[in-house]
Amino acid sequence: MRLTVHHLTQLPEQHRAHAELILQGKPLPENQPFLLATFNDRAVALAWHQDERIGFFAVRDITRRRGVGSELLRQLKADAQAHGLTRLELSLAGLPAEDATALTAFFSVCGFRQKDGVLSSLL
């Protein structure tokens, strides 16, 4: 099987258990599209943006460092461009220090720049 990124507005029941592991208590956006990455028919990553702001971006820890995050970010950028956006931003405010450090490292490698606790990139 291969990695597939789905553009969805509702979470399929077969992916609910793994998606809950990714979300860690955070709710999915209501009436808003999101991206769900699956590998071998298991949810491995989720992301969404609200206008220029990335509202959520997470890859299951057991799947990291295999290109899942890079592909998810590529699709998130493409979706943002399709909606006429010219940049994306991710606020680090309120994130646990470990998560903020990991996200900063990943997004920096992907071309995002950090300023005042916000990672941003032109599309």
PDB file of N, CA and C in Angstrom:
ATOM      1  N   MET A   1       0.846  -1.182   0.000  1.00  0.00           N
ATOM      2  CA  MET A   1       0.000   0.000   0.000  1.00  0.00           C
ATOM      3  C   MET A   1       0.888   1.241   0.000  1.00  0.00           C
ATOM      4  N   ARG A   2       0.276   2.356  -0.330  1.00  0.00           N
ATOM      5  CA  ARG A   2       1.030   3.599  -0.364  1.00  0.00           C
ATOM      6  C   ARG A   2       0.342   4.657   0.487  1.00  0.00           C
ATOM      7  N   LEU A   3       1.076   5.717   0.702  1.00  0.00           N
ATOM      8  CA  LEU A   3       0.530   6.842   1.439  1.00  0.00           C
ATOM      9  C   LEU A   3      -0.504   7.543   0.571  1.00  0.00           C
ATOM     10  N   THR A   4      -1.658   7.820   1.150  1.00  0.00           N
ATOM     11  CA  THR A   4      -2.716   8.536   0.457  1.00  0.00           C
ATOM     12  C   THR A   4      -3.180   9.681   1.345  1.00  0.00           C
ATOM     13  N   VAL A   5      -3.328  10.854   0.745  1.00  0.00           N
ATOM     14  CA  VAL A   5      -3.856  11.999   1.485  1.00  0.00           C
ATOM     15  C   VAL A   5      -5.260  12.275   0.960  1.00  0.00           C
ATOM     16  N   HIS A   6      -6.225  12.207   1.856  1.00  0.00           N
ATOM     17  CA  HIS A   6      -7.638  12.388   1.523  1.00  0.00           C
ATOM     18  C   HIS A   6      -8.078  13.796   1.915  1.00  0.00           C
ATOM     19  N   HIS A   7      -8.847  14.440   1.071  1.00  0.00           N
ATOM     20  CA  HIS A   7      -9.473  15.727   1.362  1.00  0.00           C
ATOM     21  C   HIS A   7     -10.892  15.408   1.815  1.00  0.00           C
ATOM     22  N   LEU A   8     -11.187  15.652   3.088  1.00  0.00           N
ATOM     23  CA  LEU A   8     -12.457  15.226   3.668  1.00  0.00           C
ATOM     24  C   LEU A   8     -13.157  16.351   4.416  1.00  0.00           C
ATOM     25  N   THR A   9     -14.448  16.152   4.663  1.00  0.00           N
ATOM     26  CA  THR A   9     -15.196  17.029   5.553  1.00  0.00           C
ATOM     27  C   THR A   9     -15.771  16.236   6.728  1.00  0.00           C
ATOM     28  N   GLN A  10     -15.746  14.902   6.616  1.00  0.00           N
ATOM     29  CA  GLN A  10     -16.182  14.028   7.704  1.00  0.00           C
ATOM     30  C   GLN A  10     -15.196  12.874   7.805  1.00  0.00           C
ATOM     31  N   LEU A  11     -14.972  12.435   9.022  1.00  0.00           N
ATOM     32  CA  LEU A  11     -14.032  11.345   9.268  1.00  0.00           C
ATOM     33  C   LEU A  11     -14.722  10.002   9.059  1.00  0.00           C
ATOM     34  N   PRO A  12     -14.191   9.168   8.161  1.00  0.00           N
ATOM     35  CA  PRO A  12     -14.778   7.832   7.989  1.00  0.00           C
ATOM     36  C   PRO A  12     -14.642   7.018   9.284  1.00  0.00           C
ATOM     37  N   GLU A  13     -15.648   6.254   9.605  1.00  0.00           N
ATOM     38  CA  GLU A  13     -15.674   5.483  10.849  1.00  0.00           C
ATOM     39  C   GLU A  13     -14.459   4.554  10.973  1.00  0.00           C
ATOM     40  N   GLN A  14     -14.004   3.974   9.869  1.00  0.00           N
ATOM     41  CA  GLN A  14     -12.886   3.035   9.954  1.00  0.00           C
ATOM     42  C   GLN A  14     -11.580   3.711  10.383  1.00  0.00           C
ATOM     43  N   HIS A  15     -11.506   5.046  10.296  1.00  0.00           N
ATOM     44  CA  HIS A  15     -10.292   5.762  10.686  1.00  0.00           C
ATOM     45  C   HIS A  15     -10.411   6.472  12.036  1.00  0.00           C
ATOM     46  N   ARG A  16     -11.573   6.361  12.660  1.00  0.00           N
ATOM     47  CA  ARG A  16     -11.827   7.121  13.884  1.00  0.00           C
ATOM     48  C   ARG A  16     -10.828   6.799  15.008  1.00  0.00           C
ATOM     49  N   ALA A  17     -10.553   5.540  15.279  1.00  0.00           N
ATOM     50  CA  ALA A  17      -9.675   5.172  16.406  1.00  0.00           C
ATOM     51  C   ALA A  17      -8.267   5.733  16.221  1.00  0.00           C
ATOM     52  N   HIS A  18      -7.706   5.578  15.023  1.00  0.00           N
ATOM     53  CA  HIS A  18      -6.359   6.099  14.788  1.00  0.00           C
ATOM     54  C   HIS A  18      -6.350   7.627  14.739  1.00  0.00           C
ATOM     55  N   ALA A  19      -7.410   8.212  14.202  1.00  0.00           N
ATOM     56  CA  ALA A  19      -7.488   9.676  14.159  1.00  0.00           C
ATOM     57  C   ALA A  19      -7.538  10.251  15.570  1.00  0.00           C
ATOM     58  N   GLU A  20      -8.223   9.590  16.469  1.00  0.00           N
ATOM     59  CA  GLU A  20      -8.277  10.066  17.852  1.00  0.00           C
ATOM     60  C   GLU A  20      -6.902  10.033  18.504  1.00  0.00           C
ATOM     61  N   LEU A  21      -6.073   9.060  18.144  1.00  0.00           N
ATOM     62  CA  LEU A  21      -4.693   9.028  18.646  1.00  0.00           C
ATOM     63  C   LEU A  21      -3.905  10.237  18.140  1.00  0.00           C
ATOM     64  N   ILE A  22      -4.161  10.621  16.916  1.00  0.00           N
ATOM     65  CA  ILE A  22      -3.471  11.780  16.329  1.00  0.00           C
ATOM     66  C   ILE A  22      -3.981  13.073  16.954  1.00  0.00           C
ATOM     67  N   LEU A  23      -5.283  13.191  17.103  1.00  0.00           N
ATOM     68  CA  LEU A  23      -5.901  14.418  17.595  1.00  0.00           C
ATOM     69  C   LEU A  23      -5.632  14.677  19.073  1.00  0.00           C
ATOM     70  N   GLN A  24      -5.442  13.641  19.860  1.00  0.00           N
ATOM     71  CA  GLN A  24      -5.179  13.753  21.298  1.00  0.00           C
ATOM     72  C   GLN A  24      -6.141  14.715  21.995  1.00  0.00           C
ATOM     73  N   GLY A  25      -7.432  14.505  21.744  1.00  0.00           N
ATOM     74  CA  GLY A  25      -8.453  15.296  22.413  1.00  0.00           C
ATOM     75  C   GLY A  25      -8.897  16.550  21.688  1.00  0.00           C
ATOM     76  N   LYS A  26      -8.181  16.962  20.669  1.00  0.00           N
ATOM     77  CA  LYS A  26      -8.584  18.155  19.914  1.00  0.00           C
ATOM     78  C   LYS A  26      -9.696  17.747  18.933  1.00  0.00           C
ATOM     79  N   PRO A  27     -10.746  18.550  18.819  1.00  0.00           N
ATOM     80  CA  PRO A  27     -11.831  18.189  17.898  1.00  0.00           C
ATOM     81  C   PRO A  27     -11.471  18.500  16.441  1.00  0.00           C
ATOM     82  N   LEU A  28     -12.049  17.735  15.551  1.00  0.00           N
ATOM     83  CA  LEU A  28     -11.933  18.054  14.124  1.00  0.00           C
ATOM     84  C   LEU A  28     -12.713  19.334  13.853  1.00  0.00           C
ATOM     85  N   PRO A  29     -12.337  20.078  12.839  1.00  0.00           N
ATOM     86  CA  PRO A  29     -13.090  21.298  12.530  1.00  0.00           C
ATOM     87  C   PRO A  29     -14.492  20.937  12.027  1.00  0.00           C
ATOM     88  N   GLU A  30     -15.461  21.710  12.431  1.00  0.00           N
ATOM     89  CA  GLU A  30     -16.833  21.467  11.980  1.00  0.00           C
ATOM     90  C   GLU A  30     -17.078  22.188  10.665  1.00  0.00           C
ATOM     91  N   ASN A  31     -17.717  21.512   9.740  1.00  0.00           N
ATOM     92  CA  ASN A  31     -18.093  22.083   8.447  1.00  0.00           C
ATOM     93  C   ASN A  31     -16.898  22.707   7.719  1.00  0.00           C
ATOM     94  N   GLN A  32     -15.743  22.107   7.864  1.00  0.00           N
ATOM     95  CA  GLN A  32     -14.546  22.618   7.214  1.00  0.00           C
ATOM     96  C   GLN A  32     -13.715  21.435   6.726  1.00  0.00           C
ATOM     97  N   PRO A  33     -13.150  21.539   5.540  1.00  0.00           N
ATOM     98  CA  PRO A  33     -12.337  20.432   5.040  1.00  0.00           C
ATOM     99  C   PRO A  33     -11.054  20.258   5.842  1.00  0.00           C
ATOM    100  N   PHE A  34     -10.573  19.021   5.859  1.00  0.00           N
ATOM    101  CA  PHE A  34      -9.302  18.707   6.492  1.00  0.00           C
ATOM    102  C   PHE A  34      -8.616  17.628   5.653  1.00  0.00           C
ATOM    103  N   LEU A  35      -7.345  17.422   5.921  1.00  0.00           N
ATOM    104  CA  LEU A  35      -6.570  16.409   5.221  1.00  0.00           C
ATOM    105  C   LEU A  35      -6.292  15.253   6.166  1.00  0.00           C
ATOM    106  N   LEU A  36      -6.528  14.044   5.690  1.00  0.00           N
ATOM    107  CA  LEU A  36      -6.253  12.829   6.452  1.00  0.00           C
ATOM    108  C   LEU A  36      -5.291  11.985   5.627  1.00  0.00           C
ATOM    109  N   ALA A  37      -4.126  11.703   6.179  1.00  0.00           N
ATOM    110  CA  ALA A  37      -3.165  10.835   5.497  1.00  0.00           C
ATOM    111  C   ALA A  37      -3.333   9.423   6.028  1.00  0.00           C
ATOM    112  N   THR A  38      -3.393   8.467   5.111  1.00  0.00           N
ATOM    113  CA  THR A  38      -3.503   7.063   5.504  1.00  0.00           C
ATOM    114  C   THR A  38      -2.373   6.264   4.860  1.00  0.00           C
ATOM    115  N   PHE A  39      -1.957   5.236   5.562  1.00  0.00           N
ATOM    116  CA  PHE A  39      -0.973   4.288   5.046  1.00  0.00           C
ATOM    117  C   PHE A  39      -1.448   2.913   5.476  1.00  0.00           C
ATOM    118  N   ASN A  40      -1.523   2.002   4.517  1.00  0.00           N
ATOM    119  CA  ASN A  40      -2.068   0.659   4.784  1.00  0.00           C
ATOM    120  C   ASN A  40      -3.441   0.749   5.446  1.00  0.00           C
ATOM    121  N   ASP A  41      -4.237   1.702   4.961  1.00  0.00           N
ATOM    122  CA  ASP A  41      -5.611   1.924   5.411  1.00  0.00           C
ATOM    123  C   ASP A  41      -5.712   2.280   6.896  1.00  0.00           C
ATOM    124  N   ARG A  42      -4.652   2.890   7.436  1.00  0.00           N
ATOM    125  CA  ARG A  42      -4.682   3.394   8.808  1.00  0.00           C
ATOM    126  C   ARG A  42      -4.365   4.877   8.795  1.00  0.00           C
ATOM    127  N   ALA A  43      -5.100   5.633   9.575  1.00  0.00           N
ATOM    128  CA  ALA A  43      -4.847   7.068   9.671  1.00  0.00           C
ATOM    129  C   ALA A  43      -3.494   7.283  10.333  1.00  0.00           C
ATOM    130  N   VAL A  44      -2.640   8.079   9.676  1.00  0.00           N
ATOM    131  CA  VAL A  44      -1.307   8.332  10.221  1.00  0.00           C
ATOM    132  C   VAL A  44      -1.030   9.816  10.431  1.00  0.00           C
ATOM    133  N   ALA A  45      -1.850  10.715   9.855  1.00  0.00           N
ATOM    134  CA  ALA A  45      -1.611  12.150  10.016  1.00  0.00           C
ATOM    135  C   ALA A  45      -2.873  12.929   9.673  1.00  0.00           C
ATOM    136  N   LEU A  46      -2.983  14.112  10.283  1.00  0.00           N
ATOM    137  CA  LEU A  46      -4.113  15.013  10.040  1.00  0.00           C
ATOM    138  C   LEU A  46      -3.610  16.444   9.982  1.00  0.00           C
ATOM    139  N   ALA A  47      -4.275  17.251   9.166  1.00  0.00           N
ATOM    140  CA  ALA A  47      -3.947  18.679   9.102  1.00  0.00           C
ATOM    141  C   ALA A  47      -5.133  19.438   8.537  1.00  0.00           C
ATOM    142  N   TRP A  48      -5.196  20.717   8.895  1.00  0.00           N
ATOM    143  CA  TRP A  48      -6.159  21.617   8.266  1.00  0.00           C
ATOM    144  C   TRP A  48      -5.677  23.040   8.436  1.00  0.00           C
ATOM    145  N   HIS A  49      -6.210  23.895   7.577  1.00  0.00           N
ATOM    146  CA  HIS A  49      -5.912  25.323   7.698  1.00  0.00           C
ATOM    147  C   HIS A  49      -7.220  26.088   7.697  1.00  0.00           C
ATOM    148  N   GLN A  50      -7.175  27.240   8.346  1.00  0.00           N
ATOM    149  CA  GLN A  50      -8.304  28.161   8.360  1.00  0.00           C
ATOM    150  C   GLN A  50      -7.754  29.455   7.794  1.00  0.00           C
ATOM    151  N   ASP A  51      -8.064  29.700   6.556  1.00  0.00           N
ATOM    152  CA  ASP A  51      -7.469  30.799   5.801  1.00  0.00           C
ATOM    153  C   ASP A  51      -5.952  30.600   5.805  1.00  0.00           C
ATOM    154  N   GLU A  52      -5.178  31.617   6.194  1.00  0.00           N
ATOM    155  CA  GLU A  52      -3.713  31.497   6.150  1.00  0.00           C
ATOM    156  C   GLU A  52      -3.137  30.759   7.356  1.00  0.00           C
ATOM    157  N   ARG A  53      -3.947  30.482   8.331  1.00  0.00           N
ATOM    158  CA  ARG A  53      -3.466  29.881   9.571  1.00  0.00           C
ATOM    159  C   ARG A  53      -3.613  28.361   9.555  1.00  0.00           C
ATOM    160  N   ILE A  54      -2.530  27.665   9.829  1.00  0.00           N
ATOM    161  CA  ILE A  54      -2.601  26.219   9.987  1.00  0.00           C
ATOM    162  C   ILE A  54      -3.225  25.961  11.356  1.00  0.00           C
ATOM    163  N   GLY A  55      -4.393  25.339  11.344  1.00  0.00           N
ATOM    164  CA  GLY A  55      -5.114  25.092  12.586  1.00  0.00           C
ATOM    165  C   GLY A  55      -4.646  23.848  13.310  1.00  0.00           C
ATOM    166  N   PHE A  56      -4.134  22.883  12.547  1.00  0.00           N
ATOM    167  CA  PHE A  56      -3.685  21.628  13.145  1.00  0.00           C
ATOM    168  C   PHE A  56      -2.765  20.928  12.161  1.00  0.00           C
ATOM    169  N   PHE A  57      -1.710  20.320  12.693  1.00  0.00           N
ATOM    170  CA  PHE A  57      -0.782  19.538  11.874  1.00  0.00           C
ATOM    171  C   PHE A  57      -0.122  18.515  12.781  1.00  0.00           C
ATOM    172  N   ALA A  58      -0.389  17.238  12.551  1.00  0.00           N
ATOM    173  CA  ALA A  58       0.202  16.197  13.394  1.00  0.00           C
ATOM    174  C   ALA A  58       0.357  14.902  12.614  1.00  0.00           C
ATOM    175  N   VAL A  59       1.464  14.231  12.896  1.00  0.00           N
ATOM    176  CA  VAL A  59       1.768  12.916  12.340  1.00  0.00           C
ATOM    177  C   VAL A  59       1.946  11.970  13.521  1.00  0.00           C
ATOM    178  N   ARG A  60       1.354  10.797  13.443  1.00  0.00           N
ATOM    179  CA  ARG A  60       1.512   9.821  14.534  1.00  0.00           C
ATOM    180  C   ARG A  60       2.988   9.551  14.766  1.00  0.00           C
ATOM    181  N   ASP A  61       3.360   9.481  16.021  1.00  0.00           N
ATOM    182  CA  ASP A  61       4.772   9.313  16.364  1.00  0.00           C
ATOM    183  C   ASP A  61       5.385   8.060  15.755  1.00  0.00           C
ATOM    184  N   ILE A  62       4.638   6.993  15.613  1.00  0.00           N
ATOM    185  CA  ILE A  62       5.201   5.759  15.049  1.00  0.00           C
ATOM    186  C   ILE A  62       5.435   5.852  13.543  1.00  0.00           C
ATOM    187  N   THR A  63       4.963   6.913  12.921  1.00  0.00           N
ATOM    188  CA  THR A  63       5.077   7.074  11.473  1.00  0.00           C
ATOM    189  C   THR A  63       6.022   8.201  11.081  1.00  0.00           C
ATOM    190  N   ARG A  64       6.587   8.884  12.030  1.00  0.00           N
ATOM    191  CA  ARG A  64       7.433  10.042  11.721  1.00  0.00           C
ATOM    192  C   ARG A  64       8.734   9.627  11.054  1.00  0.00           C
ATOM    193  N   ARG A  65       9.311  10.598  10.336  1.00  0.00           N
ATOM    194  CA  ARG A  65      10.594  10.458   9.662  1.00  0.00           C
ATOM    195  C   ARG A  65      10.530   9.465   8.492  1.00  0.00           C
ATOM    196  N   ARG A  66       9.346   9.415   7.858  1.00  0.00           N
ATOM    197  CA  ARG A  66       9.143   8.544   6.693  1.00  0.00           C
ATOM    198  C   ARG A  66       8.545   9.307   5.520  1.00  0.00           C
ATOM    199  N   GLY A  67       8.518  10.631   5.600  1.00  0.00           N
ATOM    200  CA  GLY A  67       7.998  11.441   4.509  1.00  0.00           C
ATOM    201  C   GLY A  67       6.523  11.772   4.599  1.00  0.00           C
ATOM    202  N   VAL A  68       5.850  11.284   5.622  1.00  0.00           N
ATOM    203  CA  VAL A  68       4.413  11.537   5.764  1.00  0.00           C
ATOM    204  C   VAL A  68       4.155  13.027   5.976  1.00  0.00           C
ATOM    205  N   GLY A  69       4.887  13.642   6.893  1.00  0.00           N
ATOM    206  CA  GLY A  69       4.707  15.064   7.166  1.00  0.00           C
ATOM    207  C   GLY A  69       5.006  15.923   5.963  1.00  0.00           C
ATOM    208  N   SER A  70       6.053  15.576   5.217  1.00  0.00           N
ATOM    209  CA  SER A  70       6.410  16.346   4.014  1.00  0.00           C
ATOM    210  C   SER A  70       5.301  16.290   2.973  1.00  0.00           C
ATOM    211  N   GLU A  71       4.738  15.111   2.771  1.00  0.00           N
ATOM    212  CA  GLU A  71       3.652  14.976   1.798  1.00  0.00           C
ATOM    213  C   GLU A  71       2.392  15.688   2.292  1.00  0.00           C
ATOM    214  N   LEU A  72       2.106  15.576   3.566  1.00  0.00           N
ATOM    215  CA  LEU A  72       0.931  16.248   4.119  1.00  0.00           C
ATOM    216  C   LEU A  72       1.074  17.763   3.978  1.00  0.00           C
ATOM    217  N   LEU A  73       2.257  18.293   4.255  1.00  0.00           N
ATOM    218  CA  LEU A  73       2.485  19.728   4.122  1.00  0.00           C
ATOM    219  C   LEU A  73       2.410  20.154   2.658  1.00  0.00           C
ATOM    220  N   ARG A  74       2.929  19.336   1.762  1.00  0.00           N
ATOM    221  CA  ARG A  74       2.841  19.652   0.329  1.00  0.00           C
ATOM    222  C   ARG A  74       1.384  19.777  -0.097  1.00  0.00           C
ATOM    223  N   GLN A  75       0.556  18.848   0.348  1.00  0.00           N
ATOM    224  CA  GLN A  75      -0.871  18.872  -0.006  1.00  0.00           C
ATOM    225  C   GLN A  75      -1.588  20.040   0.677  1.00  0.00           C
ATOM    226  N   LEU A  76      -1.194  20.357   1.912  1.00  0.00           N
ATOM    227  CA  LEU A  76      -1.790  21.488   2.623  1.00  0.00           C
ATOM    228  C   LEU A  76      -1.480  22.790   1.894  1.00  0.00           C
ATOM    229  N   LYS A  77      -0.242  22.936   1.423  1.00  0.00           N
ATOM    230  CA  LYS A  77       0.143  24.122   0.655  1.00  0.00           C
ATOM    231  C   LYS A  77      -0.637  24.196  -0.654  1.00  0.00           C
ATOM    232  N   ALA A  78      -0.769  23.072  -1.344  1.00  0.00           N
ATOM    233  CA  ALA A  78      -1.510  23.048  -2.606  1.00  0.00           C
ATOM    234  C   ALA A  78      -2.970  23.427  -2.389  1.00  0.00           C
ATOM    235  N   ASP A  79      -3.550  22.938  -1.308  1.00  0.00           N
ATOM    236  CA  ASP A  79      -4.937  23.269  -0.990  1.00  0.00           C
ATOM    237  C   ASP A  79      -5.068  24.764  -0.704  1.00  0.00           C
ATOM    238  N   ALA A  80      -4.125  25.319   0.045  1.00  0.00           N
ATOM    239  CA  ALA A  80      -4.151  26.748   0.358  1.00  0.00           C
ATOM    240  C   ALA A  80      -4.026  27.583  -0.920  1.00  0.00           C
ATOM    241  N   GLN A  81      -3.131  27.183  -1.809  1.00  0.00           N
ATOM    242  CA  GLN A  81      -2.972  27.899  -3.083  1.00  0.00           C
ATOM    243  C   GLN A  81      -4.233  27.816  -3.916  1.00  0.00           C
ATOM    244  N   ALA A  82      -4.876  26.657  -3.918  1.00  0.00           N
ATOM    245  CA  ALA A  82      -6.121  26.490  -4.672  1.00  0.00           C
ATOM    246  C   ALA A  82      -7.220  27.406  -4.143  1.00  0.00           C
ATOM    247  N   HIS A  83      -7.107  27.801  -2.883  1.00  0.00           N
ATOM    248  CA  HIS A  83      -8.075  28.729  -2.283  1.00  0.00           C
ATOM    249  C   HIS A  83      -7.597  30.179  -2.372  1.00  0.00           C
ATOM    250  N   GLY A  84      -6.573  30.424  -3.184  1.00  0.00           N
ATOM    251  CA  GLY A  84      -6.115  31.782  -3.426  1.00  0.00           C
ATOM    252  C   GLY A  84      -5.200  32.366  -2.362  1.00  0.00           C
ATOM    253  N   LEU A  85      -4.724  31.543  -1.449  1.00  0.00           N
ATOM    254  CA  LEU A  85      -3.836  32.046  -0.405  1.00  0.00           C
ATOM    255  C   LEU A  85      -2.407  32.160  -0.930  1.00  0.00           C
ATOM    256  N   THR A  86      -1.644  33.067  -0.367  1.00  0.00           N
ATOM    257  CA  THR A  86      -0.262  33.275  -0.795  1.00  0.00           C
ATOM    258  C   THR A  86       0.742  32.944   0.310  1.00  0.00           C
ATOM    259  N   ARG A  87       0.251  32.607   1.513  1.00  0.00           N
ATOM    260  CA  ARG A  87       1.140  32.248   2.610  1.00  0.00           C
ATOM    261  C   ARG A  87       0.409  31.356   3.591  1.00  0.00           C
ATOM    262  N   LEU A  88       1.181  30.641   4.405  1.00  0.00           N
ATOM    263  CA  LEU A  88       0.638  29.854   5.508  1.00  0.00           C
ATOM    264  C   LEU A  88       1.423  30.183   6.767  1.00  0.00           C
ATOM    265  N   GLU A  89       0.727  30.179   7.897  1.00  0.00           N
ATOM    266  CA  GLU A  89       1.350  30.468   9.176  1.00  0.00           C
ATOM    267  C   GLU A  89       0.913  29.434  10.217  1.00  0.00           C
ATOM    268  N   LEU A  90       1.828  29.135  11.123  1.00  0.00           N
ATOM    269  CA  LEU A  90       1.532  28.232  12.230  1.00  0.00           C
ATOM    270  C   LEU A  90       1.984  28.906  13.518  1.00  0.00           C
ATOM    271  N   SER A  91       1.043  29.181  14.404  1.00  0.00           N
ATOM    272  CA  SER A  91       1.363  29.790  15.687  1.00  0.00           C
ATOM    273  C   SER A  91       1.808  28.703  16.657  1.00  0.00           C
ATOM    274  N   LEU A  92       2.889  28.978  17.374  1.00  0.00           N
ATOM    275  CA  LEU A  92       3.400  28.040  18.363  1.00  0.00           C
ATOM    276  C   LEU A  92       2.850  28.323  19.754  1.00  0.00           C
ATOM    277  N   ALA A  93       2.080  29.396  19.891  1.00  0.00           N
ATOM    278  CA  ALA A  93       1.525  29.787  21.188  1.00  0.00           C
ATOM    279  C   ALA A  93       0.635  28.683  21.750  1.00  0.00           C
ATOM    280  N   GLY A  94       0.832  28.380  23.002  1.00  0.00           N
ATOM    281  CA  GLY A  94      -0.015  27.397  23.672  1.00  0.00           C
ATOM    282  C   GLY A  94       0.379  25.952  23.450  1.00  0.00           C
ATOM    283  N   LEU A  95       1.372  25.698  22.623  1.00  0.00           N
ATOM    284  CA  LEU A  95       1.808  24.323  22.395  1.00  0.00           C
ATOM    285  C   LEU A  95       2.791  23.895  23.473  1.00  0.00           C
ATOM    286  N   PRO A  96       2.766  22.622  23.863  1.00  0.00           N
ATOM    287  CA  PRO A  96       3.799  22.134  24.784  1.00  0.00           C
ATOM    288  C   PRO A  96       5.183  22.353  24.160  1.00  0.00           C
ATOM    289  N   ALA A  97       6.180  22.635  24.995  1.00  0.00           N
ATOM    290  CA  ALA A  97       7.520  22.963  24.512  1.00  0.00           C
ATOM    291  C   ALA A  97       8.072  21.889  23.576  1.00  0.00           C
ATOM    292  N   GLU A  98       7.852  20.622  23.899  1.00  0.00           N
ATOM    293  CA  GLU A  98       8.361  19.529  23.057  1.00  0.00           C
ATOM    294  C   GLU A  98       7.730  19.561  21.663  1.00  0.00           C
ATOM    295  N   ASP A  99       6.427  19.800  21.602  1.00  0.00           N
ATOM    296  CA  ASP A  99       5.738  19.880  20.312  1.00  0.00           C
ATOM    297  C   ASP A  99       6.213  21.089  19.519  1.00  0.00           C
ATOM    298  N   ALA A 100       6.360  22.231  20.193  1.00  0.00           N
ATOM    299  CA  ALA A 100       6.809  23.448  19.517  1.00  0.00           C
ATOM    300  C   ALA A 100       8.211  23.256  18.945  1.00  0.00           C
ATOM    301  N   THR A 101       9.078  22.603  19.690  1.00  0.00           N
ATOM    302  CA  THR A 101      10.445  22.351  19.219  1.00  0.00           C
ATOM    303  C   THR A 101      10.438  21.451  17.989  1.00  0.00           C
ATOM    304  N   ALA A 102       9.667  20.370  18.037  1.00  0.00           N
ATOM    305  CA  ALA A 102       9.599  19.440  16.913  1.00  0.00           C
ATOM    306  C   ALA A 102       8.990  20.104  15.681  1.00  0.00           C
ATOM    307  N   LEU A 103       7.911  20.854  15.863  1.00  0.00           N
ATOM    308  CA  LEU A 103       7.280  21.537  14.734  1.00  0.00           C
ATOM    309  C   LEU A 103       8.195  22.598  14.139  1.00  0.00           C
ATOM    310  N   THR A 104       8.903  23.337  14.990  1.00  0.00           N
ATOM    311  CA  THR A 104       9.836  24.351  14.501  1.00  0.00           C
ATOM    312  C   THR A 104      10.926  23.709  13.656  1.00  0.00           C
ATOM    313  N   ALA A 105      11.474  22.601  14.122  1.00  0.00           N
ATOM    314  CA  ALA A 105      12.525  21.911  13.366  1.00  0.00           C
ATOM    315  C   ALA A 105      11.993  21.429  12.013  1.00  0.00           C
ATOM    316  N   PHE A 106      10.832  20.784  12.020  1.00  0.00           N
ATOM    317  CA  PHE A 106      10.265  20.254  10.776  1.00  0.00           C
ATOM    318  C   PHE A 106       9.910  21.371   9.797  1.00  0.00           C
ATOM    319  N   PHE A 107       9.156  22.361  10.262  1.00  0.00           N
ATOM    320  CA  PHE A 107       8.720  23.428   9.367  1.00  0.00           C
ATOM    321  C   PHE A 107       9.893  24.280   8.878  1.00  0.00           C
ATOM    322  N   SER A 108      10.920  24.435   9.681  1.00  0.00           N
ATOM    323  CA  SER A 108      12.114  25.175   9.239  1.00  0.00           C
ATOM    324  C   SER A 108      12.803  24.461   8.082  1.00  0.00           C
ATOM    325  N   VAL A 109      12.915  23.147   8.179  1.00  0.00           N
ATOM    326  CA  VAL A 109      13.495  22.362   7.083  1.00  0.00           C
ATOM    327  C   VAL A 109      12.646  22.505   5.823  1.00  0.00           C
ATOM    328  N   CYS A 110      11.356  22.694   5.994  1.00  0.00           N
ATOM    329  CA  CYS A 110      10.423  22.826   4.867  1.00  0.00           C
ATOM    330  C   CYS A 110      10.313  24.265   4.356  1.00  0.00           C
ATOM    331  N   GLY A 111      11.185  25.156   4.826  1.00  0.00           N
ATOM    332  CA  GLY A 111      11.218  26.513   4.294  1.00  0.00           C
ATOM    333  C   GLY A 111      10.450  27.567   5.070  1.00  0.00           C
ATOM    334  N   PHE A 112       9.872  27.207   6.201  1.00  0.00           N
ATOM    335  CA  PHE A 112       9.160  28.180   7.021  1.00  0.00           C
ATOM    336  C   PHE A 112      10.169  28.956   7.856  1.00  0.00           C
ATOM    337  N   ARG A 113       9.861  30.197   8.137  1.00  0.00           N
ATOM    338  CA  ARG A 113      10.702  31.052   8.965  1.00  0.00           C
ATOM    339  C   ARG A 113       9.950  31.392  10.245  1.00  0.00           C
ATOM    340  N   GLN A 114      10.677  31.506  11.344  1.00  0.00           N
ATOM    341  CA  GLN A 114      10.052  31.806  12.625  1.00  0.00           C
ATOM    342  C   GLN A 114      10.269  33.252  13.007  1.00  0.00           C
ATOM    343  N   LYS A 115       9.192  33.884  13.450  1.00  0.00           N
ATOM    344  CA  LYS A 115       9.269  35.240  13.968  1.00  0.00           C
ATOM    345  C   LYS A 115       8.175  35.419  15.010  1.00  0.00           C
ATOM    346  N   ASP A 116       8.579  35.827  16.184  1.00  0.00           N
ATOM    347  CA  ASP A 116       7.635  36.097  17.276  1.00  0.00           C
ATOM    348  C   ASP A 116       6.688  34.937  17.550  1.00  0.00           C
ATOM    349  N   GLY A 117       7.213  33.714  17.562  1.00  0.00           N
ATOM    350  CA  GLY A 117       6.394  32.535  17.879  1.00  0.00           C
ATOM    351  C   GLY A 117       5.478  32.079  16.773  1.00  0.00           C
ATOM    352  N   VAL A 118       5.697  32.567  15.557  1.00  0.00           N
ATOM    353  CA  VAL A 118       4.878  32.156  14.412  1.00  0.00           C
ATOM    354  C   VAL A 118       5.806  31.671  13.302  1.00  0.00           C
ATOM    355  N   LEU A 119       5.515  30.495  12.772  1.00  0.00           N
ATOM    356  CA  LEU A 119       6.227  29.975  11.618  1.00  0.00           C
ATOM    357  C   LEU A 119       5.436  30.360  10.380  1.00  0.00           C
ATOM    358  N   SER A 120       6.101  30.892   9.358  1.00  0.00           N
ATOM    359  CA  SER A 120       5.368  31.304   8.167  1.00  0.00           C
ATOM    360  C   SER A 120       6.176  31.028   6.911  1.00  0.00           C
ATOM    361  N   SER A 121       5.434  30.871   5.809  1.00  0.00           N
ATOM    362  CA  SER A 121       6.049  30.616   4.512  1.00  0.00           C
ATOM    363  C   SER A 121       5.160  31.175   3.412  1.00  0.00           C
ATOM    364  N   LEU A 122       5.810  31.755   2.419  1.00  0.00           N
ATOM    365  CA  LEU A 122       5.094  32.133   1.206  1.00  0.00           C
ATOM    366  C   LEU A 122       4.833  30.869   0.408  1.00  0.00           C
ATOM    367  N   LEU A 123       3.739  30.834  -0.310  1.00  0.00           N
ATOM    368  CA  LEU A 123       3.394  29.652  -1.101  1.00  0.00           C
ATOM    369  C   LEU A 123       3.869  29.800  -2.533  1.00  0.00           C
TER     370      LEU A 123
END
